[in-house]
Amino acid sequence: MKILGVLSVIFLGLYSAAAVTHSLRYLHSASSGIPGFPGFVTVILVDGQPFSYYDSNIRRELPRQSWMVQTEGPDFWERRTQSSFVDEQVFKRNVAMIKPRFDHTGGVHVVQLLYGCEWDEETGDIKGQWQFGHNGEDILALDLKTNTWMESTTVASFSNKNEDWVIQLNNYLSQGCPDQLKKYVSHGRSTLMRTESPSVSLLQKNFLSPVRCHATGFYPNRAVMFWRKDGKEIHAGVEKGEILPNNDGTFQMSVDLNLLSDTPEKEGYECVFQFTGVNESIITKLEESNIRTNGRKKLKVLKVENMHLCSFLMSCHSLGVPSPERNPQVRRAWEGSTLSHKIFF
C-alpha cells in the first residue's frame, strides 16, 4: 500500500488566505541506467525555488538564486559542497544496502529522499517531513508527531529503528531546519515575496478540441484557475492541470474546457485566474476573438509535459546533462509516486 498524505505539495502550495507559509526542502536523488545523467543529484529549495544544486559529475555546490550569491560568500558554498559530497557517499551506501530488497536486475532505477520543513510566518507553526521513494513508489515516511515509521508492504521492516537517530532527525526538522529557513527567507524576501501577474491565453487546436486556458509567467505559485459560466464555477467537462515551473523562476498552469457538441454556445463562459488570498481576478471571456487556434492564427500550441525534470533543476542545459524525460524508461521510473508528480515535472 502506498504511503499517502505525507509529502506536502512543493510547487502547488496549499495556503490559507491569511497565512504566508514558507518551506525549505532538500531533495536527494540517486539513479542508475540513465546514460549521461548524474548518478546523484541534490537540490535545495526555498518556497519551491531551487537555490542550490549539486551532482556527482560536477562535485560542486552551485547557487541557483542571485540573492544567495549576494548574501553568502565562498566559505558557505565550500561548506555546502563538502556537505553534499558526504550526503552523496552516505546516500549511495544506503542505496547499495537496500538493493537486495528490490529486483535490481537492470534498467532504470531511481531512489529519492525528500526532507525539510514548513514555517507559518503568521502563527509560527512548524511542520517537518521526511519521505523516501523508489521507482515510482512511496515506500517509507517518518511520522514526526509519533516518531514512528510508515512503511509500504513492499519493504516491511526496511527502516532503521534506531530511536536516538529518529529523535535527532525530529529535532533538526523542528528546530534546525526552521532556523535555516528563516535565515534564507530574510536574505531573499524581496524575491520570494514578489508578485508577478500572468499572461493568460485561450488556445484550441481545432473546433473539436477542448479550449485550454493557459496562464504563464506568474509568481508565486499560490494560485488557482477555473472555468465558470454565468458567474458560477463549473466542473463538468473541466480538466485542471498542475502548476508547473518555468525556466525563469515563474510558473504556468492550464485548465481545459470540453464544450458538449449539443451546446455549442460559448456565451457566458469565462476563465478565471486568482492568486490565493487575493480578491482580484484576471478574467478572460470565452469569445471567438480571444481563441487562438492552429488554423486561424497559425499559433503553435504550447505542449505542457506532465513531468519536466530539467525545468525543475534549472541546470541540465547549462551543465550539458541530457533531459531524462525524453527517455521512455526514465519517465516510467518517475511516474506514479507522490515524489515524482509533485517535484519533477
Protein backbone atom coordinates (compact mmCIF):
# COMPACT_ATOMS: atom_id res chain seq x y z
CA MET A 1 0.00 0.00 0.00
CA LYS A 2 1.39 3.38 -0.94
CA ILE A 3 2.06 6.00 1.67
CA LEU A 4 -0.43 8.80 1.09
CA GLY A 5 -0.86 12.23 2.54
CA VAL A 6 2.68 12.59 3.91
CA LEU A 7 4.51 14.55 1.27
CA SER A 8 3.38 18.15 1.07
CA VAL A 9 2.96 19.60 -2.38
CA ILE A 10 6.06 21.55 -3.30
CA PHE A 11 5.11 23.59 -6.31
CA LEU A 12 1.38 23.67 -5.73
CA GLY A 13 1.23 25.29 -2.29
CA LEU A 14 -1.94 24.91 -0.28
CA TYR A 15 -2.03 28.10 1.76
CA SER A 16 -4.82 29.86 3.61
CA ALA A 17 -5.82 33.36 2.66
CA ALA A 18 -4.34 34.99 5.75
CA ALA A 19 -1.15 33.00 6.29
CA VAL A 20 2.16 33.07 4.49
CA THR A 21 3.83 29.67 4.70
CA HIS A 22 7.49 29.27 3.78
CA SER A 23 9.26 26.00 3.07
CA LEU A 24 12.79 24.60 2.98
CA ARG A 25 13.25 21.22 1.31
CA TYR A 26 16.20 19.03 0.44
CA LEU A 27 15.93 16.53 -2.38
CA HIS A 28 18.47 13.74 -2.82
CA SER A 29 18.13 11.58 -5.92
CA ALA A 30 20.21 8.57 -6.94
CA SER A 31 19.68 6.88 -10.29
CA SER A 32 21.12 4.13 -12.44
CA GLY A 33 20.61 3.03 -16.02
CA ILE A 34 20.36 6.61 -17.36
CA PRO A 35 23.25 7.24 -19.78
CA GLY A 36 24.84 10.65 -19.39
CA PHE A 37 22.80 11.62 -16.34
CA PRO A 38 24.44 12.14 -12.92
CA GLY A 39 24.17 9.19 -10.59
CA PHE A 40 23.47 11.50 -7.66
CA VAL A 41 21.75 14.90 -7.53
CA THR A 42 20.91 17.23 -4.65
CA VAL A 43 18.62 20.24 -4.96
CA ILE A 44 17.70 22.61 -2.12
CA LEU A 45 14.52 24.66 -2.44
CA VAL A 46 13.17 27.66 -0.56
CA ASP A 47 9.47 28.34 -1.16
CA GLY A 48 9.60 25.98 -4.14
CA GLN A 49 12.50 27.87 -5.74
CA PRO A 50 15.74 25.91 -6.31
CA PHE A 51 18.55 27.95 -4.78
CA SER A 52 21.33 25.34 -4.64
CA TYR A 53 22.36 22.44 -6.89
CA TYR A 54 24.96 19.64 -6.66
CA ASP A 55 25.56 16.48 -8.66
CA SER A 56 28.08 13.66 -8.81
CA ASN A 57 29.51 14.88 -12.12
CA ILE A 58 30.45 18.42 -11.16
CA ARG A 59 31.07 17.71 -7.44
CA ARG A 60 30.40 21.37 -6.60
CA GLU A 61 27.52 23.18 -4.92
CA LEU A 62 26.19 25.84 -7.28
CA PRO A 63 23.86 28.75 -6.43
CA ARG A 64 20.61 29.00 -8.35
CA GLN A 65 19.35 32.33 -7.00
CA SER A 66 21.11 35.68 -7.30
CA TRP A 67 20.17 36.66 -3.76
CA MET A 68 22.10 33.66 -2.44
CA VAL A 69 25.19 34.77 -4.36
CA GLN A 70 24.88 38.24 -2.88
CA THR A 71 24.34 37.14 0.73
CA GLU A 72 26.63 34.10 1.04
CA GLY A 73 30.37 34.10 0.42
CA PRO A 74 32.76 31.40 -0.90
CA ASP A 75 33.07 29.75 2.53
CA PHE A 76 29.35 28.97 2.57
CA TRP A 77 29.46 27.28 -0.83
CA GLU A 78 32.58 25.34 0.11
CA ARG A 79 30.81 24.03 3.21
CA ARG A 80 27.77 23.16 1.12
CA THR A 81 29.99 21.29 -1.36
CA GLN A 82 31.58 19.26 1.43
CA SER A 83 28.20 18.52 2.98
CA SER A 84 26.69 17.40 -0.33
CA PHE A 85 29.72 15.22 -1.06
CA VAL A 86 29.23 13.46 2.27
CA ASP A 87 25.50 13.13 1.54
CA GLU A 88 26.37 11.55 -1.80
CA GLN A 89 28.57 8.90 -0.21
CA VAL A 90 26.09 8.10 2.56
CA PHE A 91 23.13 8.02 0.18
CA LYS A 92 24.89 5.73 -2.28
CA ARG A 93 25.90 3.41 0.55
CA ASN A 94 22.35 3.25 1.83
CA VAL A 95 21.03 2.58 -1.66
CA ALA A 96 23.51 -0.29 -2.03
CA MET A 97 22.24 -1.73 1.25
CA ILE A 98 18.62 -1.74 0.15
CA LYS A 99 19.20 -3.09 -3.36
CA PRO A 100 18.71 -6.71 -2.25
CA ARG A 101 15.19 -5.78 -1.14
CA PHE A 102 14.30 -4.82 -4.71
CA ASP A 103 14.69 -6.57 -8.03
CA HIS A 104 17.68 -4.60 -9.30
CA THR A 105 18.32 -6.63 -12.42
CA GLY A 106 18.96 -3.76 -14.80
CA GLY A 107 17.04 -0.98 -16.43
CA VAL A 108 16.32 2.41 -14.92
CA HIS A 109 16.19 2.77 -11.15
CA VAL A 110 15.55 5.97 -9.20
CA VAL A 111 15.73 6.41 -5.43
CA GLN A 112 14.56 9.68 -3.87
CA LEU A 113 14.78 11.19 -0.41
CA LEU A 114 12.90 14.37 0.43
CA TYR A 115 13.03 16.10 3.80
CA GLY A 116 12.52 19.59 5.13
CA CYS A 117 10.17 21.89 6.99
CA GLU A 118 7.42 24.48 6.65
CA TRP A 119 7.08 27.64 8.72
CA ASP A 120 3.91 29.70 9.03
CA GLU A 121 5.21 33.24 9.36
CA GLU A 122 1.99 34.45 10.99
CA THR A 123 1.29 31.71 13.54
CA GLY A 124 4.82 30.38 13.97
CA ASP A 125 3.64 26.81 13.35
CA ILE A 126 6.33 24.38 12.19
CA LYS A 127 5.81 21.20 10.16
CA GLY A 128 8.54 18.74 9.23
CA GLN A 129 8.66 15.93 6.70
CA TRP A 130 10.88 13.00 5.73
CA GLN A 131 9.89 10.86 2.73
CA PHE A 132 11.65 8.08 0.81
CA GLY A 133 10.68 6.63 -2.57
CA HIS A 134 11.87 4.07 -5.08
CA ASN A 135 10.89 3.73 -8.75
CA GLY A 136 7.51 5.38 -8.53
CA GLU A 137 6.50 4.01 -5.14
CA ASP A 138 6.43 5.91 -1.85
CA ILE A 139 7.92 3.30 0.45
CA LEU A 140 8.90 4.97 3.70
CA ALA A 141 7.98 8.05 5.73
CA LEU A 142 8.57 9.27 9.25
CA ASP A 143 5.59 10.41 11.31
CA LEU A 144 7.14 13.27 13.24
CA LYS A 145 4.24 13.51 15.70
CA THR A 146 4.69 9.96 16.95
CA ASN A 147 8.33 9.34 15.92
CA THR A 148 7.19 6.18 14.14
CA TRP A 149 7.76 4.86 10.63
CA MET A 150 5.12 4.33 7.99
CA GLU A 151 6.17 1.66 5.51
CA SER A 152 4.76 0.11 2.39
CA THR A 153 4.27 -3.65 2.46
CA THR A 154 6.92 -3.91 -0.26
CA VAL A 155 9.66 -3.09 2.21
CA ALA A 156 8.30 -4.20 5.54
CA SER A 157 10.87 -3.77 8.33
CA PHE A 158 13.05 -1.72 6.00
CA SER A 159 13.61 1.25 8.27
CA ASN A 160 16.31 1.84 10.82
CA LYS A 161 14.60 1.52 14.18
CA ASN A 162 17.36 3.46 15.99
CA GLU A 163 15.33 5.66 18.33
CA ASP A 164 18.22 8.06 19.01
CA TRP A 165 18.58 8.78 15.29
CA VAL A 166 14.86 9.39 14.97
CA ILE A 167 14.95 11.86 17.86
CA GLN A 168 17.92 13.69 16.31
CA LEU A 169 16.14 13.88 12.97
CA ASN A 170 12.98 15.18 14.59
CA ASN A 171 14.96 17.82 16.48
CA TYR A 172 16.55 19.03 13.25
CA LEU A 173 13.28 19.18 11.34
CA SER A 174 11.53 21.05 14.17
CA GLN A 175 14.39 23.38 15.19
CA GLY A 176 17.48 23.46 12.96
CA CYS A 177 15.59 23.40 9.67
CA PRO A 178 13.20 26.25 10.60
CA ASP A 179 16.14 28.37 11.79
CA GLN A 180 17.83 27.91 8.41
CA LEU A 181 14.57 28.63 6.60
CA LYS A 182 14.04 31.90 8.47
CA LYS A 183 17.58 32.97 7.57
CA TYR A 184 17.06 32.22 3.87
CA VAL A 185 13.68 33.96 3.80
CA SER A 186 15.30 37.02 5.35
CA HIS A 187 18.01 37.00 2.67
CA GLY A 188 15.63 36.52 -0.25
CA ARG A 189 12.47 38.22 0.97
CA SER A 190 12.32 40.77 -1.85
CA THR A 191 12.45 37.94 -4.40
CA LEU A 192 10.42 35.31 -2.58
CA MET A 193 7.60 37.70 -1.63
CA ARG A 194 7.25 39.36 -5.03
CA THR A 195 4.13 39.09 -7.17
CA GLU A 196 4.15 38.73 -10.96
CA SER A 197 0.88 38.56 -12.85
CA PRO A 198 0.46 36.01 -15.64
CA SER A 199 -0.21 36.27 -19.33
CA VAL A 200 -3.46 34.40 -19.97
CA SER A 201 -4.40 32.93 -23.36
CA LEU A 202 -7.19 30.76 -24.74
CA LEU A 203 -5.84 28.02 -27.02
CA GLN A 204 -7.65 25.48 -29.21
CA LYS A 205 -6.10 23.12 -31.74
CA ASN A 206 -9.31 22.76 -33.75
CA PHE A 207 -13.06 23.12 -33.28
CA LEU A 208 -13.31 19.57 -31.88
CA SER A 209 -10.58 20.11 -29.28
CA PRO A 210 -11.05 21.41 -25.74
CA VAL A 211 -10.45 25.10 -25.15
CA ARG A 212 -7.35 25.49 -22.99
CA CYS A 213 -6.99 28.47 -20.71
CA HIS A 214 -3.26 28.84 -20.22
CA ALA A 215 -1.59 31.21 -17.73
CA THR A 216 2.18 31.64 -17.67
CA GLY A 217 4.75 33.90 -16.06
CA PHE A 218 3.08 34.22 -12.66
CA TYR A 219 4.65 34.20 -9.19
CA PRO A 220 4.16 32.98 -6.53
CA ASN A 221 2.68 29.56 -7.20
CA ARG A 222 -0.16 30.09 -4.73
CA ALA A 223 -2.81 30.44 -7.38
CA VAL A 224 -5.98 28.84 -8.73
CA MET A 225 -7.59 28.88 -12.15
CA PHE A 226 -11.04 27.65 -13.13
CA TRP A 227 -13.86 27.97 -15.64
CA ARG A 228 -17.19 29.49 -14.77
CA LYS A 229 -20.48 30.08 -16.59
CA ASP A 230 -22.84 32.91 -15.80
CA GLY A 231 -20.72 33.75 -12.76
CA LYS A 232 -20.69 30.24 -11.23
CA GLU A 233 -17.72 27.85 -11.22
CA ILE A 234 -18.31 24.71 -13.29
CA HIS A 235 -16.74 21.27 -13.00
CA ALA A 236 -18.41 19.21 -15.72
CA GLY A 237 -16.18 18.97 -18.77
CA VAL A 238 -13.32 20.72 -16.99
CA GLU A 239 -9.84 19.22 -16.63
CA LYS A 240 -7.34 21.06 -14.47
CA GLY A 241 -3.59 20.75 -14.91
CA GLU A 242 -0.90 21.07 -12.27
CA ILE A 243 1.18 24.16 -11.66
CA LEU A 244 4.49 23.76 -13.47
CA PRO A 245 7.74 25.72 -13.21
CA ASN A 246 9.18 27.89 -15.96
CA ASN A 247 12.90 28.26 -16.51
CA ASP A 248 12.86 31.86 -15.26
CA GLY A 249 11.51 31.02 -11.80
CA THR A 250 7.89 31.81 -12.63
CA PHE A 251 5.09 29.29 -13.08
CA GLN A 252 2.48 28.17 -15.59
CA MET A 253 -0.80 26.31 -15.39
CA SER A 254 -3.73 25.41 -17.60
CA VAL A 255 -7.34 24.29 -17.34
CA ASP A 256 -9.25 22.71 -20.24
CA LEU A 257 -12.93 23.12 -21.07
CA ASN A 258 -14.71 20.49 -23.16
CA LEU A 259 -17.82 22.03 -24.69
CA LEU A 260 -20.53 19.49 -25.48
CA SER A 261 -21.38 19.18 -29.17
CA ASP A 262 -25.06 19.84 -28.45
CA THR A 263 -24.25 23.07 -26.57
CA PRO A 264 -22.03 24.99 -28.95
CA GLU A 265 -22.87 28.35 -27.41
CA LYS A 266 -19.83 29.98 -25.79
CA GLU A 267 -21.76 32.84 -24.24
CA GLY A 268 -21.34 33.22 -20.50
CA TYR A 269 -18.13 31.16 -20.16
CA GLU A 270 -15.12 32.76 -18.50
CA CYS A 271 -11.68 31.60 -17.42
CA VAL A 272 -10.70 32.98 -14.01
CA PHE A 273 -7.17 33.24 -12.59
CA GLN A 274 -6.69 34.18 -8.93
CA PHE A 275 -3.78 34.37 -6.55
CA THR A 276 -4.73 32.63 -3.31
CA GLY A 277 -5.85 35.14 -0.72
CA VAL A 278 -6.30 37.95 -3.26
CA ASN A 279 -9.77 39.16 -4.17
CA GLU A 280 -8.85 40.49 -7.60
CA SER A 281 -9.09 38.12 -10.57
CA ILE A 282 -7.88 38.00 -14.14
CA ILE A 283 -10.94 37.13 -16.22
CA THR A 284 -10.79 36.01 -19.85
CA LYS A 285 -14.11 35.66 -21.65
CA LEU A 286 -14.65 32.72 -23.99
CA GLU A 287 -15.18 34.56 -27.25
CA GLU A 288 -14.13 33.60 -30.75
CA SER A 289 -11.93 36.66 -30.99
CA ASN A 290 -9.98 35.56 -27.89
CA ILE A 291 -9.30 31.98 -29.01
CA ARG A 292 -6.03 31.20 -30.76
CA THR A 293 -6.04 28.13 -32.97
CA ASN A 294 -3.58 26.41 -35.27
CA GLY A 295 -5.78 27.04 -38.27
CA ARG A 296 -6.88 30.60 -37.70
CA LYS A 297 -3.76 32.26 -36.35
CA LYS A 298 -1.19 29.56 -37.03
CA LEU A 299 -0.16 29.62 -33.41
CA LYS A 300 1.92 26.72 -32.22
CA VAL A 301 0.05 25.46 -29.19
CA LEU A 302 2.23 25.02 -26.15
CA LYS A 303 2.65 21.42 -25.10
CA VAL A 304 2.88 21.07 -21.35
CA GLU A 305 4.61 17.91 -20.23
CA ASN A 306 3.41 16.19 -17.08
CA MET A 307 6.97 15.80 -15.87
CA HIS A 308 9.79 18.18 -16.74
CA LEU A 309 12.86 17.40 -14.68
CA CYS A 310 15.11 19.96 -16.31
CA SER A 311 12.72 22.84 -15.69
CA PHE A 312 12.83 21.92 -12.04
CA LEU A 313 16.59 21.51 -11.75
CA MET A 314 17.13 24.59 -13.93
CA SER A 315 20.57 23.29 -14.76
CA CYS A 316 20.55 20.46 -17.28
CA HIS A 317 21.23 22.59 -20.33
CA SER A 318 23.92 24.68 -18.65
CA LEU A 319 25.68 21.59 -17.35
CA GLY A 320 25.36 19.64 -20.59
CA VAL A 321 23.18 16.98 -18.98
CA PRO A 322 20.57 15.40 -21.27
CA SER A 323 16.92 15.72 -20.27
CA PRO A 324 15.83 12.36 -18.82
CA GLU A 325 12.16 12.85 -19.65
CA ARG A 326 12.98 12.12 -23.30
CA ASN A 327 13.78 8.54 -22.34
CA PRO A 328 10.57 6.46 -22.04
CA GLN A 329 12.23 4.18 -19.48
CA VAL A 330 13.13 7.14 -17.31
CA ARG A 331 9.61 8.55 -17.47
CA ARG A 332 8.15 5.22 -16.36
CA ALA A 333 10.59 5.14 -13.44
CA TRP A 334 9.35 8.52 -12.18
CA GLU A 335 5.66 8.09 -12.84
CA GLY A 336 3.27 7.02 -10.12
CA SER A 337 4.83 8.35 -6.95
CA THR A 338 3.91 11.36 -4.88
CA LEU A 339 7.51 12.47 -5.19
CA SER A 340 7.61 12.36 -8.96
CA HIS A 341 4.30 14.10 -9.57
CA LYS A 342 4.87 16.87 -7.07
CA ILE A 343 8.57 17.52 -7.56
CA PHE A 344 9.50 16.57 -11.09
CA PHE A 345 7.53 17.97 -14.00
